[in-house]
Amino acid sequence: MTKRSIIDVPDLSLPELDRLMDTAEDIIARPDDYADACRRKKLATLFFEPSTRTRLSFEAAMYELGGNVLSVTGAATSSAAKGESVADTAKTVSCYADIIAMRHPKEGAALVAARNASVPVINAGDGGHCHPTQTLADLLTIRREKGRLDRVTVGLCGDLKFGRTVHSLIGALSRYAGLRFVLVSPEELKVPSYVKNEHLKKNGIPYLQTTDLEEVIGDLDILYMTRVQRERFFNEEDYLRLRDSYILTPEKLKKARKDLCVMHPLPRVNEISVAVDDDPRACYFKQVLNGKYMRMALILMLLREAGKL
């Protein structure tokens, strides 16, 4: 058996993505069958950046599989505060845990950890780079809500420059047929050229860039809202100027399709009005729950491949 880590969604083939979603669906249908699947196994959650949903989702996933959790929350509470490297941290934690989930503010930190750990590492977000398990939650949500992952028009709105969830989702969905993207953002927060070149242009996927959400909302099957991320800005003035660029309200949703799926990786600030929460098209809290099931499926897959189950 070999140790395998998941740093980005392309680390998983399309058949593997489908199998993970099938496993998640089975967990949803038959949770008792998985209650002891990871008995006596330990997940280490190393979170050097603030998180609520992702950290708790990983921990809930492991507990619901019958396993245990070792947790580090914040660099200040770990030996990173003393200058310990990511590589040494990964080697050390490998002595205690069977699998690691790590979030870190520096791009590439998860890859460094994976290369030095002796157990599987799951990237729980590295800076503005990627967030693969959020993308797994997104894919399952789209499949459950729309019944498919191909032949959909996906609108991405908000911070498309720094949003790692956006970059990962574009990369994942670009592997399916019949996709069309509508990219809605201020000029300053457009999708980076490398993302468009690598995923959209290379694969001949049609896309539209616009600054006007209301103009295009009626064309969308999926609307993926994102917050403008204060922590990614170097200039407070720019953040304050751009933070309220798009606010989704019930009034704006009147122009949308009746079967629109509204998603958001959370946390939201005010880019989706709380009045939208009661709309049947609001799927962002379903997304949160789907994230737990996909993380359960991923933990199972990696531990089985590593010969630990």
Protein backbone atom coordinates (compact mmCIF):
# COMPACT_ATOMS: atom_id res chain seq x y z
CA MET A 1 0.00 0.00 0.00
CA THR A 2 1.20 3.56 -0.73
CA LYS A 3 0.52 6.82 1.06
CA ARG A 4 -1.44 9.27 -1.07
CA SER A 5 -2.35 12.90 -0.38
CA ILE A 6 -4.91 15.25 -1.90
CA ILE A 7 -3.58 18.74 -2.52
CA ASP A 8 -5.86 19.84 -5.36
CA VAL A 9 -8.90 18.46 -7.16
CA PRO A 10 -6.90 17.29 -10.23
CA ASP A 11 -5.26 14.76 -7.88
CA LEU A 12 -8.56 12.89 -8.28
CA SER A 13 -9.65 11.37 -11.59
CA LEU A 14 -13.23 11.77 -12.82
CA PRO A 15 -14.07 8.15 -11.92
CA GLU A 16 -12.65 8.77 -8.42
CA LEU A 17 -14.76 11.92 -8.05
CA ASP A 18 -17.85 9.96 -9.02
CA ARG A 19 -16.98 7.17 -6.56
CA LEU A 20 -16.47 9.69 -3.75
CA MET A 21 -19.86 11.23 -4.46
CA ASP A 22 -21.44 7.77 -4.62
CA THR A 23 -19.88 6.94 -1.23
CA ALA A 24 -21.14 10.21 0.23
CA GLU A 25 -24.65 9.42 -1.05
CA ASP A 26 -24.41 5.99 0.57
CA ILE A 27 -23.29 7.53 3.88
CA ILE A 28 -26.30 9.87 3.74
CA ALA A 29 -28.62 6.92 3.08
CA ARG A 30 -27.03 4.44 5.54
CA PRO A 31 -25.06 6.33 8.23
CA ASP A 32 -25.11 3.44 10.72
CA ASP A 33 -23.12 1.28 8.30
CA TYR A 34 -20.19 3.70 8.63
CA ALA A 35 -20.34 4.42 12.37
CA ASP A 36 -17.28 2.26 13.15
CA ALA A 37 -15.46 2.48 9.82
CA CYS A 38 -12.50 4.40 11.31
CA ARG A 39 -12.52 2.98 14.81
CA ARG A 40 -9.20 3.59 16.63
CA LYS A 41 -7.91 5.80 13.79
CA LYS A 42 -6.84 9.40 14.42
CA LEU A 43 -7.21 12.50 12.27
CA ALA A 44 -4.94 15.47 13.03
CA THR A 45 -6.46 18.82 12.07
CA LEU A 46 -3.68 21.40 11.73
CA PHE A 47 -5.31 24.78 11.15
CA PHE A 48 -2.89 27.70 11.03
CA GLU A 49 -5.59 30.01 9.67
CA PRO A 50 -9.07 30.75 11.12
CA SER A 51 -11.82 28.29 10.19
CA THR A 52 -15.20 27.24 11.49
CA ARG A 53 -16.91 25.08 8.86
CA THR A 54 -13.91 23.32 7.39
CA ARG A 55 -12.26 22.40 10.70
CA LEU A 56 -15.46 21.32 12.41
CA SER A 57 -16.57 19.50 9.27
CA PHE A 58 -13.38 17.42 9.22
CA GLU A 59 -13.67 16.71 12.92
CA ALA A 60 -17.37 15.80 12.70
CA ALA A 61 -16.58 13.58 9.71
CA MET A 62 -13.96 11.62 11.65
CA TYR A 63 -16.11 11.30 14.77
CA GLU A 64 -19.06 10.06 12.71
CA LEU A 65 -16.77 7.43 11.19
CA GLY A 66 -15.95 6.25 14.73
CA GLY A 67 -12.45 7.75 14.81
CA ASN A 68 -10.71 10.33 17.00
CA VAL A 69 -9.32 13.81 16.41
CA LEU A 70 -6.12 15.61 17.44
CA SER A 71 -6.46 19.34 16.85
CA VAL A 72 -4.20 22.38 16.46
CA THR A 73 -5.98 25.70 15.93
CA GLY A 74 -3.76 28.67 15.15
CA ALA A 75 -0.02 29.01 14.71
CA ALA A 76 0.24 30.68 18.11
CA THR A 77 -0.77 27.47 19.85
CA SER A 78 1.72 25.26 18.02
CA SER A 79 5.47 24.98 17.62
CA ALA A 80 5.14 27.11 14.48
CA ALA A 81 5.25 30.02 16.94
CA LYS A 82 8.76 28.85 17.84
CA GLY A 83 9.81 28.72 14.20
CA GLU A 84 9.18 25.05 13.43
CA SER A 85 8.93 24.40 9.69
CA VAL A 86 5.89 22.90 7.96
CA ALA A 87 8.06 19.94 6.96
CA ASP A 88 9.09 19.19 10.55
CA THR A 89 5.52 19.66 11.79
CA ALA A 90 4.30 17.13 9.22
CA LYS A 91 6.96 14.59 10.19
CA THR A 92 6.15 15.02 13.87
CA VAL A 93 2.37 14.79 13.56
CA SER A 94 2.77 11.67 11.40
CA CYS A 95 4.04 9.94 14.55
CA TYR A 96 0.71 10.54 16.27
CA ALA A 97 -2.00 10.45 13.60
CA ASP A 98 -3.15 8.23 10.76
CA ILE A 99 -4.18 11.11 8.49
CA ILE A 100 -3.74 14.90 8.48
CA ALA A 101 -6.00 17.76 7.34
CA MET A 102 -4.09 21.05 7.15
CA ARG A 103 -5.02 24.66 6.47
CA HIS A 104 -2.24 27.18 6.07
CA PRO A 105 -2.06 30.83 4.89
CA LYS A 106 0.90 30.14 2.55
CA GLU A 107 0.36 28.75 -0.93
CA GLY A 108 2.14 25.43 -1.33
CA ALA A 109 2.31 24.64 2.39
CA ALA A 110 0.06 21.59 2.03
CA LEU A 111 2.31 20.19 -0.70
CA VAL A 112 5.36 20.60 1.54
CA ALA A 113 3.51 18.80 4.33
CA ALA A 114 2.47 15.97 2.01
CA ARG A 115 6.04 15.44 0.80
CA ASN A 116 7.31 15.14 4.37
CA ALA A 117 4.48 13.34 6.16
CA SER A 118 4.40 9.56 6.36
CA VAL A 119 0.58 9.57 6.43
CA PRO A 120 -1.96 10.98 3.95
CA VAL A 121 -2.39 14.78 3.96
CA ILE A 122 -5.55 16.57 2.87
CA ASN A 123 -5.24 20.21 1.88
CA ALA A 124 -7.92 22.13 3.81
CA GLY A 125 -6.97 25.39 2.08
CA ASP A 126 -3.59 26.96 1.37
CA GLY A 127 -3.67 30.73 1.04
CA GLY A 128 -5.36 31.89 -2.14
CA HIS A 129 -4.32 28.75 -4.01
CA CYS A 130 -6.93 26.01 -3.69
CA HIS A 131 -9.45 24.39 -1.37
CA PRO A 132 -10.17 20.90 -2.76
CA THR A 133 -12.55 19.60 -0.10
CA GLN A 134 -14.75 22.68 -0.46
CA THR A 135 -14.88 21.85 -4.15
CA LEU A 136 -15.91 18.28 -3.32
CA ALA A 137 -18.77 19.73 -1.26
CA ASP A 138 -19.68 22.00 -4.17
CA LEU A 139 -19.72 19.15 -6.67
CA LEU A 140 -21.95 16.97 -4.51
CA THR A 141 -24.32 19.90 -3.94
CA ILE A 142 -24.64 20.58 -7.67
CA ARG A 143 -25.17 16.88 -8.42
CA ARG A 144 -27.81 16.50 -5.72
CA GLU A 145 -29.64 19.71 -6.67
CA LYS A 146 -29.42 19.52 -10.48
CA GLY A 147 -29.04 15.78 -10.99
CA ARG A 148 -25.91 16.22 -13.10
CA LEU A 149 -22.54 17.97 -13.35
CA ASP A 150 -22.53 18.48 -17.10
CA ARG A 151 -24.62 20.80 -19.29
CA VAL A 152 -25.00 23.58 -16.73
CA THR A 153 -24.40 27.32 -16.79
CA VAL A 154 -22.47 28.36 -13.70
CA GLY A 155 -22.30 31.96 -12.51
CA LEU A 156 -19.44 32.87 -10.18
CA CYS A 157 -19.87 36.22 -8.47
CA GLY A 158 -17.72 38.39 -6.19
CA ASP A 159 -14.03 37.96 -5.46
CA LEU A 160 -12.87 35.82 -8.36
CA LYS A 161 -9.24 36.93 -8.08
CA PHE A 162 -8.35 35.72 -4.58
CA GLY A 163 -11.14 33.17 -4.10
CA ARG A 164 -9.47 29.76 -3.85
CA THR A 165 -12.89 28.07 -3.85
CA VAL A 166 -13.65 29.68 -7.20
CA HIS A 167 -10.35 28.59 -8.75
CA SER A 168 -10.79 25.01 -7.56
CA LEU A 169 -14.41 24.82 -8.73
CA ILE A 170 -13.57 26.13 -12.20
CA GLY A 171 -10.82 23.52 -12.48
CA ALA A 172 -13.10 20.69 -11.36
CA LEU A 173 -16.12 21.57 -13.48
CA SER A 174 -14.02 22.22 -16.59
CA ARG A 175 -13.54 18.44 -16.83
CA TYR A 176 -17.25 17.92 -17.52
CA ALA A 177 -19.00 18.38 -20.88
CA GLY A 178 -21.34 21.17 -21.87
CA LEU A 179 -20.30 23.68 -19.22
CA ARG A 180 -20.61 27.44 -19.59
CA PHE A 181 -19.27 29.96 -17.09
CA VAL A 182 -20.45 33.50 -16.36
CA LEU A 183 -17.82 35.40 -14.37
CA VAL A 184 -19.24 38.36 -12.44
CA SER A 185 -16.83 40.63 -10.60
CA PRO A 186 -15.41 44.16 -10.35
CA GLU A 187 -12.59 44.76 -12.80
CA GLU A 188 -10.09 44.61 -9.93
CA LEU A 189 -11.24 41.12 -8.83
CA LYS A 190 -11.49 39.27 -12.15
CA VAL A 191 -10.49 35.62 -12.50
CA PRO A 192 -6.69 35.46 -12.94
CA SER A 193 -5.48 34.86 -16.49
CA TYR A 194 -3.71 31.64 -15.53
CA VAL A 195 -6.99 30.12 -14.33
CA LYS A 196 -8.77 31.06 -17.57
CA ASN A 197 -5.88 29.86 -19.72
CA GLU A 198 -5.38 26.56 -17.91
CA HIS A 199 -9.01 25.52 -17.55
CA LEU A 200 -11.32 27.50 -19.83
CA LYS A 201 -9.38 28.47 -22.93
CA LYS A 202 -7.38 25.23 -23.09
CA ASN A 203 -10.57 23.18 -22.96
CA GLY A 204 -12.57 25.42 -25.27
CA ILE A 205 -15.15 26.19 -22.56
CA PRO A 206 -17.30 29.24 -23.31
CA TYR A 207 -17.35 31.99 -20.72
CA LEU A 208 -18.62 35.52 -20.29
CA GLN A 209 -17.03 38.17 -18.11
CA THR A 210 -19.25 40.95 -16.78
CA THR A 211 -19.62 43.39 -13.90
CA ASP A 212 -23.44 43.24 -13.92
CA LEU A 213 -25.08 40.38 -11.98
CA GLU A 214 -28.67 41.42 -12.63
CA GLU A 215 -28.08 41.39 -16.37
CA VAL A 216 -27.11 37.69 -16.40
CA ILE A 217 -28.84 36.12 -13.38
CA GLY A 218 -31.73 34.85 -15.51
CA ASP A 219 -29.37 32.70 -17.60
CA LEU A 220 -27.88 30.74 -14.71
CA ASP A 221 -28.43 27.21 -13.40
CA ILE A 222 -25.97 27.79 -10.54
CA LEU A 223 -25.11 31.08 -8.84
CA TYR A 224 -21.98 30.76 -6.69
CA MET A 225 -21.62 33.87 -4.52
CA THR A 226 -18.37 34.72 -2.74
CA ARG A 227 -17.35 37.32 -0.20
CA VAL A 228 -14.70 39.94 -0.82
CA GLN A 229 -11.96 38.62 1.46
CA ARG A 230 -10.53 41.27 3.73
CA GLU A 231 -7.58 39.02 4.66
CA ARG A 232 -6.36 38.89 1.03
CA PHE A 233 -6.08 42.66 0.61
CA PHE A 234 -2.95 44.68 1.25
CA ASN A 235 -4.89 47.93 1.09
CA GLU A 236 -7.81 48.55 3.48
CA GLU A 237 -9.14 51.32 1.26
CA ASP A 238 -9.49 48.94 -1.69
CA TYR A 239 -11.29 46.38 0.47
CA LEU A 240 -13.80 48.94 1.77
CA ARG A 241 -14.45 50.18 -1.77
CA LEU A 242 -15.11 46.70 -3.18
CA ARG A 243 -16.67 44.74 -0.31
CA ASP A 244 -20.30 45.57 -1.16
CA SER A 245 -20.01 45.24 -4.93
CA TYR A 246 -22.71 42.52 -5.05
CA ILE A 247 -25.51 41.87 -2.60
CA LEU A 248 -28.02 39.17 -3.52
CA THR A 249 -31.56 40.05 -2.42
CA PRO A 250 -35.05 38.56 -2.93
CA GLU A 251 -35.74 41.40 -5.37
CA LYS A 252 -32.80 40.40 -7.58
CA LEU A 253 -33.84 36.75 -7.42
CA LYS A 254 -37.14 37.63 -9.10
CA LYS A 255 -35.20 37.69 -12.36
CA ALA A 256 -33.71 34.23 -11.77
CA ARG A 257 -34.94 30.80 -12.80
CA LYS A 258 -37.27 28.95 -10.45
CA ASP A 259 -34.77 26.08 -10.21
CA LEU A 260 -31.67 28.24 -9.69
CA CYS A 261 -29.24 26.81 -7.12
CA VAL A 262 -27.68 29.58 -4.99
CA MET A 263 -24.40 28.53 -3.40
CA HIS A 264 -21.77 30.16 -1.20
CA PRO A 265 -18.66 28.62 0.42
CA LEU A 266 -19.30 30.72 3.57
CA PRO A 267 -18.70 32.62 5.72
CA ARG A 268 -20.84 35.34 4.21
CA VAL A 269 -20.63 38.94 5.30
CA ASN A 270 -23.50 40.72 3.58
CA GLU A 271 -23.24 39.52 -0.04
CA ILE A 272 -26.38 37.39 0.44
CA SER A 273 -29.23 39.00 2.33
CA VAL A 274 -30.53 36.86 5.20
CA ALA A 275 -33.94 37.31 3.58
CA VAL A 276 -32.76 34.91 0.86
CA ASP A 277 -32.26 32.09 3.39
CA ASP A 278 -35.92 31.08 3.25
CA ASP A 279 -35.96 30.92 -0.55
CA PRO A 280 -36.02 27.26 -1.72
CA ARG A 281 -33.23 28.12 -4.14
CA ALA A 282 -30.82 28.86 -1.26
CA CYS A 283 -28.49 25.84 -1.05
CA TYR A 284 -25.52 27.14 0.94
CA PHE A 285 -26.39 25.41 4.21
CA LYS A 286 -27.03 22.17 2.31
CA GLN A 287 -23.52 22.75 0.93
CA VAL A 288 -22.13 22.79 4.49
CA LEU A 289 -23.70 19.43 5.28
CA ASN A 290 -22.58 17.94 1.97
CA GLY A 291 -19.04 18.98 2.86
CA LYS A 292 -19.08 16.73 5.91
CA TYR A 293 -20.23 13.73 3.86
CA MET A 294 -17.61 14.28 1.16
CA ARG A 295 -14.86 14.60 3.76
CA MET A 296 -16.04 11.33 5.31
CA ALA A 297 -15.82 9.69 1.89
CA LEU A 298 -12.34 11.14 1.26
CA ILE A 299 -10.98 10.07 4.66
CA LEU A 300 -12.24 6.54 4.02
CA MET A 301 -10.69 6.42 0.56
CA LEU A 302 -7.25 7.63 1.67
CA LEU A 303 -7.06 5.41 4.74
CA ARG A 304 -8.07 2.37 2.71
CA GLU A 305 -5.46 3.16 0.04
CA ALA A 306 -2.83 3.56 2.76
CA GLY A 307 -3.73 0.13 4.14
CA LYS A 308 -4.91 1.55 7.45
CA LEU A 309 -8.45 0.18 7.19
